PDB file of N, CA and C in Angstrom:
ATOM      1  N   MET A   1       9.324 208.494 235.637  1.00  0.00           N
ATOM      2  CA  MET A   1      10.277 207.459 235.999  1.00  0.00           C
ATOM      3  C   MET A   1      11.693 208.018 236.050  1.00  0.00           C
ATOM      4  N   GLN A   2      12.043 208.900 235.103  1.00  0.00           N
ATOM      5  CA  GLN A   2      13.377 209.501 235.095  1.00  0.00           C
ATOM      6  C   GLN A   2      13.638 210.229 236.410  1.00  0.00           C
ATOM      7  N   GLN A   3      12.647 210.990 236.886  1.00  0.00           N
ATOM      8  CA  GLN A   3      12.807 211.706 238.148  1.00  0.00           C
ATOM      9  C   GLN A   3      12.942 210.723 239.308  1.00  0.00           C
ATOM     10  N   PHE A   4      12.143 209.669 239.294  1.00  0.00           N
ATOM     11  CA  PHE A   4      12.224 208.663 240.344  1.00  0.00           C
ATOM     12  C   PHE A   4      13.612 208.034 240.381  1.00  0.00           C
ATOM     13  N   LEU A   5      14.139 207.669 239.227  1.00  0.00           N
ATOM     14  CA  LEU A   5      15.469 207.081 239.179  1.00  0.00           C
ATOM     15  C   LEU A   5      16.516 208.085 239.643  1.00  0.00           C
ATOM     16  N   HIS A   6      16.329 209.326 239.254  1.00  0.00           N
ATOM     17  CA  HIS A   6      17.235 210.388 239.686  1.00  0.00           C
ATOM     18  C   HIS A   6      17.243 210.474 241.207  1.00  0.00           C
ATOM     19  N   ASP A   7      16.057 210.473 241.808  1.00  0.00           N
ATOM     20  CA  ASP A   7      15.950 210.563 243.262  1.00  0.00           C
ATOM     21  C   ASP A   7      16.544 209.337 243.943  1.00  0.00           C
ATOM     22  N   MET A   8      16.308 208.156 243.380  1.00  0.00           N
ATOM     23  CA  MET A   8      16.825 206.922 243.978  1.00  0.00           C
ATOM     24  C   MET A   8      18.345 206.856 243.910  1.00  0.00           C
ATOM     25  N   MET A   9      18.916 207.314 242.812  1.00  0.00           N
ATOM     26  CA  MET A   9      20.353 207.204 242.620  1.00  0.00           C
ATOM     27  C   MET A   9      21.111 208.351 243.274  1.00  0.00           C
ATOM     28  N   GLY A  10      20.422 209.457 243.530  1.00  0.00           N
ATOM     29  CA  GLY A  10      21.076 210.589 244.165  1.00  0.00           C
ATOM     30  C   GLY A  10      22.097 211.264 243.278  1.00  0.00           C
ATOM     31  N   LEU A  11      21.906 211.190 241.994  1.00  0.00           N
ATOM     32  CA  LEU A  11      22.840 211.793 241.054  1.00  0.00           C
ATOM     33  C   LEU A  11      22.191 212.961 240.334  1.00  0.00           C
ATOM     34  N   ALA A  12      22.986 213.947 240.002  1.00  0.00           N
ATOM     35  CA  ALA A  12      22.494 215.053 239.189  1.00  0.00           C
ATOM     36  C   ALA A  12      22.629 214.633 237.737  1.00  0.00           C
ATOM     37  N   MET A  13      21.498 214.383 237.104  1.00  0.00           N
ATOM     38  CA  MET A  13      21.511 213.916 235.718  1.00  0.00           C
ATOM     39  C   MET A  13      20.676 214.842 234.859  1.00  0.00           C
ATOM     40  N   GLU A  14      21.135 215.057 233.663  1.00  0.00           N
ATOM     41  CA  GLU A  14      20.334 215.786 232.699  1.00  0.00           C
ATOM     42  C   GLU A  14      19.304 214.844 232.108  1.00  0.00           C
ATOM     43  N   GLU A  15      18.199 215.386 231.653  1.00  0.00           N
ATOM     44  CA  GLU A  15      17.151 214.580 231.021  1.00  0.00           C
ATOM     45  C   GLU A  15      17.758 213.753 229.897  1.00  0.00           C
ATOM     46  N   GLY A  16      17.468 212.468 229.910  1.00  0.00           N
ATOM     47  CA  GLY A  16      17.947 211.592 228.855  1.00  0.00           C
ATOM     48  C   GLY A  16      19.359 211.077 229.051  1.00  0.00           C
ATOM     49  N   SER A  17      20.042 211.468 230.135  1.00  0.00           N
ATOM     50  CA  SER A  17      21.432 211.045 230.307  1.00  0.00           C
ATOM     51  C   SER A  17      21.553 209.620 230.847  1.00  0.00           C
ATOM     52  N   LEU A  18      20.531 209.123 231.531  1.00  0.00           N
ATOM     53  CA  LEU A  18      20.570 207.765 232.057  1.00  0.00           C
ATOM     54  C   LEU A  18      20.254 206.782 230.938  1.00  0.00           C
ATOM     55  N   PRO A  19      21.130 205.804 230.721  1.00  0.00           N
ATOM     56  CA  PRO A  19      20.866 204.838 229.650  1.00  0.00           C
ATOM     57  C   PRO A  19      19.767 203.856 230.063  1.00  0.00           C
ATOM     58  N   LEU A  20      18.555 204.296 229.942  1.00  0.00           N
ATOM     59  CA  LEU A  20      17.386 203.524 230.337  1.00  0.00           C
ATOM     60  C   LEU A  20      16.544 203.299 229.095  1.00  0.00           C
ATOM     61  N   TYR A  21      16.172 202.052 228.858  1.00  0.00           N
ATOM     62  CA  TYR A  21      15.393 201.701 227.682  1.00  0.00           C
ATOM     63  C   TYR A  21      14.090 201.064 228.125  1.00  0.00           C
ATOM     64  N   VAL A  22      13.014 201.406 227.464  1.00  0.00           N
ATOM     65  CA  VAL A  22      11.706 200.849 227.771  1.00  0.00           C
ATOM     66  C   VAL A  22      11.362 199.833 226.690  1.00  0.00           C
ATOM     67  N   LEU A  23      11.037 198.627 227.111  1.00  0.00           N
ATOM     68  CA  LEU A  23      10.632 197.579 226.180  1.00  0.00           C
ATOM     69  C   LEU A  23       9.141 197.335 226.355  1.00  0.00           C
ATOM     70  N   THR A  24       8.399 197.546 225.288  1.00  0.00           N
ATOM     71  CA  THR A  24       6.950 197.358 225.298  1.00  0.00           C
ATOM     72  C   THR A  24       6.513 197.025 223.885  1.00  0.00           C
ATOM     73  N   ASN A  25       5.231 197.055 223.632  1.00  0.00           N
ATOM     74  CA  ASN A  25       4.721 196.846 222.280  1.00  0.00           C
ATOM     75  C   ASN A  25       4.151 198.159 221.738  1.00  0.00           C
ATOM     76  N   ARG A  26       3.675 198.155 220.524  1.00  0.00           N
ATOM     77  CA  ARG A  26       3.157 199.382 219.910  1.00  0.00           C
ATOM     78  C   ARG A  26       1.960 199.949 220.649  1.00  0.00           C
ATOM     79  N   GLU A  27       1.144 199.081 221.178  1.00  0.00           N
ATOM     80  CA  GLU A  27      -0.066 199.514 221.873  1.00  0.00           C
ATOM     81  C   GLU A  27       0.224 199.976 223.300  1.00  0.00           C
ATOM     82  N   ARG A  28       1.398 199.620 223.809  1.00  0.00           N
ATOM     83  CA  ARG A  28       1.769 199.915 225.191  1.00  0.00           C
ATOM     84  C   ARG A  28       0.779 199.312 226.196  1.00  0.00           C
ATOM     85  N   MET A  29       0.160 198.235 225.783  1.00  0.00           N
ATOM     86  CA  MET A  29      -0.747 197.489 226.637  1.00  0.00           C
ATOM     87  C   MET A  29      -0.231 196.055 226.713  1.00  0.00           C
ATOM     88  N   PHE A  30      -0.017 195.570 227.912  1.00  0.00           N
ATOM     89  CA  PHE A  30       0.528 194.236 228.139  1.00  0.00           C
ATOM     90  C   PHE A  30       1.837 194.042 227.367  1.00  0.00           C
ATOM     91  N   GLY A  31       2.600 195.110 227.281  1.00  0.00           N
ATOM     92  CA  GLY A  31       3.836 195.114 226.502  1.00  0.00           C
ATOM     93  C   GLY A  31       5.002 194.407 227.147  1.00  0.00           C
ATOM     94  N   ALA A  32       4.892 194.054 228.423  1.00  0.00           N
ATOM     95  CA  ALA A  32       5.983 193.317 229.063  1.00  0.00           C
ATOM     96  C   ALA A  32       6.203 191.973 228.377  1.00  0.00           C
ATOM     97  N   SER A  33       5.186 191.494 227.675  1.00  0.00           N
ATOM     98  CA  SER A  33       5.338 190.232 226.942  1.00  0.00           C
ATOM     99  C   SER A  33       6.399 190.352 225.845  1.00  0.00           C
ATOM    100  N   ALA A  34       6.775 191.570 225.474  1.00  0.00           N
ATOM    101  CA  ALA A  34       7.844 191.770 224.483  1.00  0.00           C
ATOM    102  C   ALA A  34       9.165 191.189 224.987  1.00  0.00           C
ATOM    103  N   MET A  35       9.265 190.954 226.283  1.00  0.00           N
ATOM    104  CA  MET A  35      10.460 190.342 226.859  1.00  0.00           C
ATOM    105  C   MET A  35      10.675 188.934 226.299  1.00  0.00           C
ATOM    106  N   LEU A  36       9.606 188.321 225.814  1.00  0.00           N
ATOM    107  CA  LEU A  36       9.718 186.984 225.232  1.00  0.00           C
ATOM    108  C   LEU A  36      10.429 187.001 223.887  1.00  0.00           C
ATOM    109  N   TYR A  37      10.482 188.168 223.251  1.00  0.00           N
ATOM    110  CA  TYR A  37      11.170 188.304 221.967  1.00  0.00           C
ATOM    111  C   TYR A  37      12.601 188.748 222.234  1.00  0.00           C
ATOM    112  N   SER A  38      13.396 187.838 222.739  1.00  0.00           N
ATOM    113  CA  SER A  38      14.723 188.186 223.234  1.00  0.00           C
ATOM    114  C   SER A  38      15.686 188.636 222.137  1.00  0.00           C
ATOM    115  N   GLU A  39      15.332 188.477 220.870  1.00  0.00           N
ATOM    116  CA  GLU A  39      16.247 188.944 219.822  1.00  0.00           C
ATOM    117  C   GLU A  39      16.416 190.458 219.870  1.00  0.00           C
ATOM    118  N   LYS A  40      15.386 191.178 220.262  1.00  0.00           N
ATOM    119  CA  LYS A  40      15.494 192.638 220.393  1.00  0.00           C
ATOM    120  C   LYS A  40      16.384 192.998 221.577  1.00  0.00           C
ATOM    121  N   ILE A  41      16.254 192.257 222.657  1.00  0.00           N
ATOM    122  CA  ILE A  41      17.105 192.484 223.821  1.00  0.00           C
ATOM    123  C   ILE A  41      18.556 192.159 223.467  1.00  0.00           C
ATOM    124  N   LYS A  42      18.760 191.072 222.732  1.00  0.00           N
ATOM    125  CA  LYS A  42      20.107 190.685 222.295  1.00  0.00           C
ATOM    126  C   LYS A  42      20.721 191.770 221.415  1.00  0.00           C
ATOM    127  N   GLU A  43      19.950 192.328 220.494  1.00  0.00           N
ATOM    128  CA  GLU A  43      20.454 193.390 219.617  1.00  0.00           C
ATOM    129  C   GLU A  43      20.950 194.581 220.427  1.00  0.00           C
ATOM    130  N   LEU A  44      20.169 194.986 221.425  1.00  0.00           N
ATOM    131  CA  LEU A  44      20.573 196.122 222.251  1.00  0.00           C
ATOM    132  C   LEU A  44      21.821 195.781 223.058  1.00  0.00           C
ATOM    133  N   ALA A  45      21.853 194.612 223.671  1.00  0.00           N
ATOM    134  CA  ALA A  45      23.019 194.208 224.461  1.00  0.00           C
ATOM    135  C   ALA A  45      24.275 194.157 223.591  1.00  0.00           C
ATOM    136  N   ASP A  46      24.144 193.634 222.386  1.00  0.00           N
ATOM    137  CA  ASP A  46      25.295 193.570 221.481  1.00  0.00           C
ATOM    138  C   ASP A  46      25.742 194.963 221.060  1.00  0.00           C
ATOM    139  N   GLU A  47      24.790 195.847 220.825  1.00  0.00           N
ATOM    140  CA  GLU A  47      25.127 197.224 220.443  1.00  0.00           C
ATOM    141  C   GLU A  47      25.879 197.931 221.568  1.00  0.00           C
ATOM    142  N   LEU A  48      25.466 197.677 222.820  1.00  0.00           N
ATOM    143  CA  LEU A  48      26.088 198.321 223.980  1.00  0.00           C
ATOM    144  C   LEU A  48      27.308 197.564 224.492  1.00  0.00           C
ATOM    145  N   HIS A  49      27.495 196.311 224.018  1.00  0.00           N
ATOM    146  CA  HIS A  49      28.598 195.449 224.458  1.00  0.00           C
ATOM    147  C   HIS A  49      28.532 195.181 225.961  1.00  0.00           C
ATOM    148  N   LEU A  50      27.314 195.056 226.482  1.00  0.00           N
ATOM    149  CA  LEU A  50      27.099 194.791 227.904  1.00  0.00           C
ATOM    150  C   LEU A  50      25.892 193.887 228.084  1.00  0.00           C
ATOM    151  N   ASP A  51      25.876 193.151 229.193  1.00  0.00           N
ATOM    152  CA  ASP A  51      24.653 192.474 229.600  1.00  0.00           C
ATOM    153  C   ASP A  51      23.628 193.547 229.952  1.00  0.00           C
ATOM    154  N   LEU A  52      22.364 193.155 230.025  1.00  0.00           N
ATOM    155  CA  LEU A  52      21.307 194.104 230.374  1.00  0.00           C
ATOM    156  C   LEU A  52      20.568 193.626 231.614  1.00  0.00           C
ATOM    157  N   LEU A  53      20.324 194.550 232.521  1.00  0.00           N
ATOM    158  CA  LEU A  53      19.433 194.272 233.639  1.00  0.00           C
ATOM    159  C   LEU A  53      18.019 194.537 233.168  1.00  0.00           C
ATOM    160  N   ILE A  54      17.105 193.682 233.578  1.00  0.00           N
ATOM    161  CA  ILE A  54      15.703 193.807 233.185  1.00  0.00           C
ATOM    162  C   ILE A  54      14.897 194.033 234.449  1.00  0.00           C
ATOM    163  N   LEU A  55      14.290 195.210 234.535  1.00  0.00           N
ATOM    164  CA  LEU A  55      13.486 195.584 235.686  1.00  0.00           C
ATOM    165  C   LEU A  55      12.027 195.562 235.273  1.00  0.00           C
ATOM    166  N   PRO A  56      11.240 194.658 235.830  1.00  0.00           N
ATOM    167  CA  PRO A  56       9.818 194.633 235.483  1.00  0.00           C
ATOM    168  C   PRO A  56       9.142 195.888 236.016  1.00  0.00           C
ATOM    169  N   SER A  57       8.590 196.674 235.121  1.00  0.00           N
ATOM    170  CA  SER A  57       7.961 197.929 235.501  1.00  0.00           C
ATOM    171  C   SER A  57       6.468 197.724 235.767  1.00  0.00           C
ATOM    172  N   SER A  58       5.822 196.987 234.892  1.00  0.00           N
ATOM    173  CA  SER A  58       4.404 196.653 235.043  1.00  0.00           C
ATOM    174  C   SER A  58       4.069 195.622 233.984  1.00  0.00           C
ATOM    175  N   LEU A  59       2.823 195.229 233.900  1.00  0.00           N
ATOM    176  CA  LEU A  59       2.398 194.330 232.832  1.00  0.00           C
ATOM    177  C   LEU A  59       2.606 194.956 231.455  1.00  0.00           C
ATOM    178  N   HIS A  60       2.766 196.270 231.435  1.00  0.00           N
ATOM    179  CA  HIS A  60       2.794 196.998 230.171  1.00  0.00           C
ATOM    180  C   HIS A  60       4.194 197.274 229.638  1.00  0.00           C
ATOM    181  N   GLU A  61       5.224 197.132 230.481  1.00  0.00           N
ATOM    182  CA  GLU A  61       6.578 197.416 230.015  1.00  0.00           C
ATOM    183  C   GLU A  61       7.601 196.860 230.985  1.00  0.00           C
ATOM    184  N   VAL A  62       8.803 196.671 230.484  1.00  0.00           N
ATOM    185  CA  VAL A  62       9.960 196.379 231.324  1.00  0.00           C
ATOM    186  C   VAL A  62      11.030 197.410 230.988  1.00  0.00           C
ATOM    187  N   LEU A  63      11.889 197.671 231.945  1.00  0.00           N
ATOM    188  CA  LEU A  63      12.977 198.624 231.747  1.00  0.00           C
ATOM    189  C   LEU A  63      14.269 197.845 231.560  1.00  0.00           C
ATOM    190  N   LEU A  64      15.084 198.302 230.642  1.00  0.00           N
ATOM    191  CA  LEU A  64      16.379 197.689 230.357  1.00  0.00           C
ATOM    192  C   LEU A  64      17.475 198.678 230.706  1.00  0.00           C
ATOM    193  N   LEU A  65      18.442 198.224 231.477  1.00  0.00           N
ATOM    194  CA  LEU A  65      19.582 199.049 231.869  1.00  0.00           C
ATOM    195  C   LEU A  65      20.864 198.301 231.551  1.00  0.00           C
ATOM    196  N   PRO A  66      21.843 198.966 230.949  1.00  0.00           N
ATOM    197  CA  PRO A  66      23.132 198.305 230.754  1.00  0.00           C
ATOM    198  C   PRO A  66      23.713 197.915 232.105  1.00  0.00           C
ATOM    199  N   ASP A  67      24.194 196.697 232.219  1.00  0.00           N
ATOM    200  CA  ASP A  67      24.781 196.206 233.461  1.00  0.00           C
ATOM    201  C   ASP A  67      26.277 196.470 233.417  1.00  0.00           C
ATOM    202  N   ASP A  68      26.660 197.658 233.866  1.00  0.00           N
ATOM    203  CA  ASP A  68      28.076 198.023 233.836  1.00  0.00           C
ATOM    204  C   ASP A  68      28.778 197.716 235.155  1.00  0.00           C
ATOM    205  N   GLY A  69      28.043 197.109 236.093  1.00  0.00           N
ATOM    206  CA  GLY A  69      28.648 196.702 237.354  1.00  0.00           C
ATOM    207  C   GLY A  69      28.845 197.819 238.365  1.00  0.00           C
ATOM    208  N   THR A  70      28.306 198.998 238.119  1.00  0.00           N
ATOM    209  CA  THR A  70      28.518 200.116 239.041  1.00  0.00           C
ATOM    210  C   THR A  70      27.546 200.109 240.215  1.00  0.00           C
ATOM    211  N   GLN A  71      26.453 199.371 240.117  1.00  0.00           N
ATOM    212  CA  GLN A  71      25.493 199.292 241.209  1.00  0.00           C
ATOM    213  C   GLN A  71      25.311 197.830 241.609  1.00  0.00           C
ATOM    214  N   GLU A  72      25.047 197.608 242.876  1.00  0.00           N
ATOM    215  CA  GLU A  72      24.753 196.271 243.370  1.00  0.00           C
ATOM    216  C   GLU A  72      23.354 195.862 242.934  1.00  0.00           C
ATOM    217  N   ASN A  73      23.141 194.576 242.753  1.00  0.00           N
ATOM    218  CA  ASN A  73      21.824 194.078 242.360  1.00  0.00           C
ATOM    219  C   ASN A  73      20.759 194.438 243.381  1.00  0.00           C
ATOM    220  N   ASP A  74      21.120 194.492 244.659  1.00  0.00           N
ATOM    221  CA  ASP A  74      20.148 194.856 245.692  1.00  0.00           C
ATOM    222  C   ASP A  74      19.582 196.253 245.464  1.00  0.00           C
ATOM    223  N   PHE A  75      20.394 197.148 244.925  1.00  0.00           N
ATOM    224  CA  PHE A  75      19.928 198.499 244.619  1.00  0.00           C
ATOM    225  C   PHE A  75      18.771 198.436 243.619  1.00  0.00           C
ATOM    226  N   TYR A  76      18.950 197.681 242.554  1.00  0.00           N
ATOM    227  CA  TYR A  76      17.914 197.575 241.525  1.00  0.00           C
ATOM    228  C   TYR A  76      16.717 196.769 242.019  1.00  0.00           C
ATOM    229  N   ARG A  77      16.973 195.751 242.831  1.00  0.00           N
ATOM    230  CA  ARG A  77      15.874 194.966 243.399  1.00  0.00           C
ATOM    231  C   ARG A  77      14.990 195.857 244.275  1.00  0.00           C
ATOM    232  N   GLN A  78      15.619 196.727 245.061  1.00  0.00           N
ATOM    233  CA  GLN A  78      14.866 197.657 245.903  1.00  0.00           C
ATOM    234  C   GLN A  78      14.114 198.668 245.042  1.00  0.00           C
ATOM    235  N   MET A  79      14.718 199.076 243.939  1.00  0.00           N
ATOM    236  CA  MET A  79      14.052 200.003 243.026  1.00  0.00           C
ATOM    237  C   MET A  79      12.767 199.377 242.482  1.00  0.00           C
ATOM    238  N   VAL A  80      12.849 198.120 242.058  1.00  0.00           N
ATOM    239  CA  VAL A  80      11.670 197.412 241.546  1.00  0.00           C
ATOM    240  C   VAL A  80      10.598 197.350 242.628  1.00  0.00           C
ATOM    241  N   ARG A  81      10.994 196.998 243.837  1.00  0.00           N
ATOM    242  CA  ARG A  81      10.039 196.896 244.947  1.00  0.00           C
ATOM    243  C   ARG A  81       9.372 198.245 245.220  1.00  0.00           C
ATOM    244  N   THR A  82      10.165 199.299 245.275  1.00  0.00           N
ATOM    245  CA  THR A  82       9.627 200.627 245.577  1.00  0.00           C
ATOM    246  C   THR A  82       8.672 201.100 244.494  1.00  0.00           C
ATOM    247  N   VAL A  83       9.042 200.902 243.238  1.00  0.00           N
ATOM    248  CA  VAL A  83       8.157 201.299 242.141  1.00  0.00           C
ATOM    249  C   VAL A  83       6.860 200.498 242.206  1.00  0.00           C
ATOM    250  N   ASN A  84       6.960 199.197 242.417  1.00  0.00           N
ATOM    251  CA  ASN A  84       5.753 198.373 242.513  1.00  0.00           C
ATOM    252  C   ASN A  84       4.844 198.841 243.643  1.00  0.00           C
ATOM    253  N   GLU A  85       5.431 199.182 244.773  1.00  0.00           N
ATOM    254  CA  GLU A  85       4.634 199.561 245.935  1.00  0.00           C
ATOM    255  C   GLU A  85       4.074 200.974 245.864  1.00  0.00           C
ATOM    256  N   THR A  86       4.703 201.854 245.084  1.00  0.00           N
ATOM    257  CA  THR A  86       4.284 203.261 245.087  1.00  0.00           C
ATOM    258  C   THR A  86       3.748 203.778 243.750  1.00  0.00           C
ATOM    259  N   GLN A  87       4.064 203.117 242.647  1.00  0.00           N
ATOM    260  CA  GLN A  87       3.726 203.666 241.342  1.00  0.00           C
ATOM    261  C   GLN A  87       2.827 202.779 240.486  1.00  0.00           C
ATOM    262  N   VAL A  88       2.724 201.507 240.826  1.00  0.00           N
ATOM    263  CA  VAL A  88       2.027 200.544 239.969  1.00  0.00           C
ATOM    264  C   VAL A  88       0.776 200.049 240.681  1.00  0.00           C
ATOM    265  N   ASP A  89      -0.337 200.028 239.961  1.00  0.00           N
ATOM    266  CA  ASP A  89      -1.557 199.451 240.514  1.00  0.00           C
ATOM    267  C   ASP A  89      -1.311 197.973 240.813  1.00  0.00           C
ATOM    268  N   PRO A  90      -1.828 197.483 241.940  1.00  0.00           N
ATOM    269  CA  PRO A  90      -1.546 196.083 242.324  1.00  0.00           C
ATOM    270  C   PRO A  90      -1.864 195.065 241.235  1.00  0.00           C
ATOM    271  N   GLU A  91      -2.914 195.264 240.477  1.00  0.00           N
ATOM    272  CA  GLU A  91      -3.275 194.296 239.432  1.00  0.00           C
ATOM    273  C   GLU A  91      -2.367 194.388 238.205  1.00  0.00           C
ATOM    274  N   GLU A  92      -1.488 195.398 238.155  1.00  0.00           N
ATOM    275  CA  GLU A  92      -0.577 195.549 237.019  1.00  0.00           C
ATOM    276  C   GLU A  92       0.871 195.215 237.365  1.00  0.00           C
ATOM    277  N   ILE A  93       1.118 194.757 238.599  1.00  0.00           N
ATOM    278  CA  ILE A  93       2.477 194.366 238.992  1.00  0.00           C
ATOM    279  C   ILE A  93       2.863 193.103 238.238  1.00  0.00           C
ATOM    280  N   LEU A  94       4.006 193.145 237.604  1.00  0.00           N
ATOM    281  CA  LEU A  94       4.497 191.997 236.844  1.00  0.00           C
ATOM    282  C   LEU A  94       5.297 191.051 237.734  1.00  0.00           C
ATOM    283  N   SER A  95       6.255 191.612 238.471  1.00  0.00           N
ATOM    284  CA  SER A  95       7.145 190.786 239.272  1.00  0.00           C
ATOM    285  C   SER A  95       7.928 191.675 240.225  1.00  0.00           C
ATOM    286  N   PHE A  96       8.396 191.083 241.319  1.00  0.00           N
ATOM    287  CA  PHE A  96       9.301 191.771 242.230  1.00  0.00           C
ATOM    288  C   PHE A  96      10.740 191.308 241.998  1.00  0.00           C
ATOM    289  N   SER A  97      10.944 190.451 241.026  1.00  0.00           N
ATOM    290  CA  SER A  97      12.265 189.896 240.743  1.00  0.00           C
ATOM    291  C   SER A  97      13.060 190.799 239.810  1.00  0.00           C
ATOM    292  N   LEU A  98      14.349 190.561 239.795  1.00  0.00           N
ATOM    293  CA  LEU A  98      15.274 191.261 238.920  1.00  0.00           C
ATOM    294  C   LEU A  98      15.835 190.229 237.944  1.00  0.00           C
ATOM    295  N   TYR A  99      16.002 190.630 236.693  1.00  0.00           N
ATOM    296  CA  TYR A  99      16.460 189.706 235.658  1.00  0.00           C
ATOM    297  C   TYR A  99      17.671 190.290 234.938  1.00  0.00           C
ATOM    298  N   ARG A 100      18.428 189.412 234.269  1.00  0.00           N
ATOM    299  CA  ARG A 100      19.574 189.848 233.466  1.00  0.00           C
ATOM    300  C   ARG A 100      19.539 189.095 232.145  1.00  0.00           C
ATOM    301  N   TYR A 101      19.788 189.842 231.072  1.00  0.00           N
ATOM    302  CA  TYR A 101      20.060 189.190 229.797  1.00  0.00           C
ATOM    303  C   TYR A 101      21.561 188.994 229.741  1.00  0.00           C
ATOM    304  N   SER A 102      21.998 187.747 229.668  1.00  0.00           N
ATOM    305  CA  SER A 102      23.409 187.405 229.603  1.00  0.00           C
ATOM    306  C   SER A 102      23.816 187.251 228.137  1.00  0.00           C
ATOM    307  N   ARG A 103      24.742 188.076 227.708  1.00  0.00           N
ATOM    308  CA  ARG A 103      25.244 187.960 226.333  1.00  0.00           C
ATOM    309  C   ARG A 103      25.986 186.635 226.150  1.00  0.00           C
ATOM    310  N   GLU A 104      26.735 186.247 227.140  1.00  0.00           N
ATOM    311  CA  GLU A 104      27.527 185.016 227.047  1.00  0.00           C
ATOM    312  C   GLU A 104      26.625 183.794 226.884  1.00  0.00           C
ATOM    313  N   ARG A 105      25.542 183.737 227.652  1.00  0.00           N
ATOM    314  CA  ARG A 105      24.637 182.588 227.606  1.00  0.00           C
ATOM    315  C   ARG A 105      23.490 182.784 226.618  1.00  0.00           C
ATOM    316  N   ASP A 106      23.316 184.014 226.130  1.00  0.00           N
ATOM    317  CA  ASP A 106      22.238 184.375 225.203  1.00  0.00           C
ATOM    318  C   ASP A 106      20.867 183.968 225.755  1.00  0.00           C
ATOM    319  N   ARG A 107      20.643 184.386 227.004  1.00  0.00           N
ATOM    320  CA  ARG A 107      19.339 184.098 227.601  1.00  0.00           C
ATOM    321  C   ARG A 107      19.058 185.052 228.766  1.00  0.00           C
ATOM    322  N   ILE A 108      17.783 185.087 229.126  1.00  0.00           N
ATOM    323  CA  ILE A 108      17.324 185.894 230.256  1.00  0.00           C
ATOM    324  C   ILE A 108      17.289 184.993 231.482  1.00  0.00           C
ATOM    325  N   GLU A 109      17.873 185.504 232.572  1.00  0.00           N
ATOM    326  CA  GLU A 109      17.940 184.733 233.810  1.00  0.00           C
ATOM    327  C   GLU A 109      17.451 185.585 234.974  1.00  0.00           C
ATOM    328  N   GLU A 110      16.776 184.955 235.910  1.00  0.00           N
ATOM    329  CA  GLU A 110      16.404 185.644 237.137  1.00  0.00           C
ATOM    330  C   GLU A 110      17.654 185.762 238.001  1.00  0.00           C
ATOM    331  N   ILE A 111      17.868 186.930 238.571  1.00  0.00           N
ATOM    332  CA  ILE A 111      19.000 187.141 239.471  1.00  0.00           C
ATOM    333  C   ILE A 111      18.531 186.785 240.874  1.00  0.00           C
ATOM    334  N   GLU A 112      19.106 185.753 241.422  1.00  0.00           N
ATOM    335  CA  GLU A 112      18.721 185.286 242.751  1.00  0.00           C
ATOM    336  C   GLU A 112      19.208 186.264 243.803  1.00  0.00           C
ATOM    337  N   GLU A 113      18.490 186.310 244.917  1.00  0.00           N
ATOM    338  CA  GLU A 113      18.897 187.190 246.025  1.00  0.00           C
ATOM    339  C   GLU A 113      20.064 186.612 246.744  1.00  0.00           C
TER     340      GLU A 113
END
């Protein structure tokens, strides 16, 4: 995934330099349901002092990215679509939508197109 993000963003990044967080469960099976435990997402957002973009990766995990406003939402929406179409088995696709954890509202919201 790091290489894929590197290729999509067109940036020269060292391993681990992209602030990308994976949210899943201990078993890493059907771990996207961890998104329902928003207190963990809130803790990370508060630690980073930023809202978080939530990219559904598969039924097994979601990706969290600090929303620093440097990329347009369409960029991340296309990333989700491309990963779903090229990297995820069809029966494991969670969603083609993009989500944001809003610190101000303390909730997860779908980002409309």
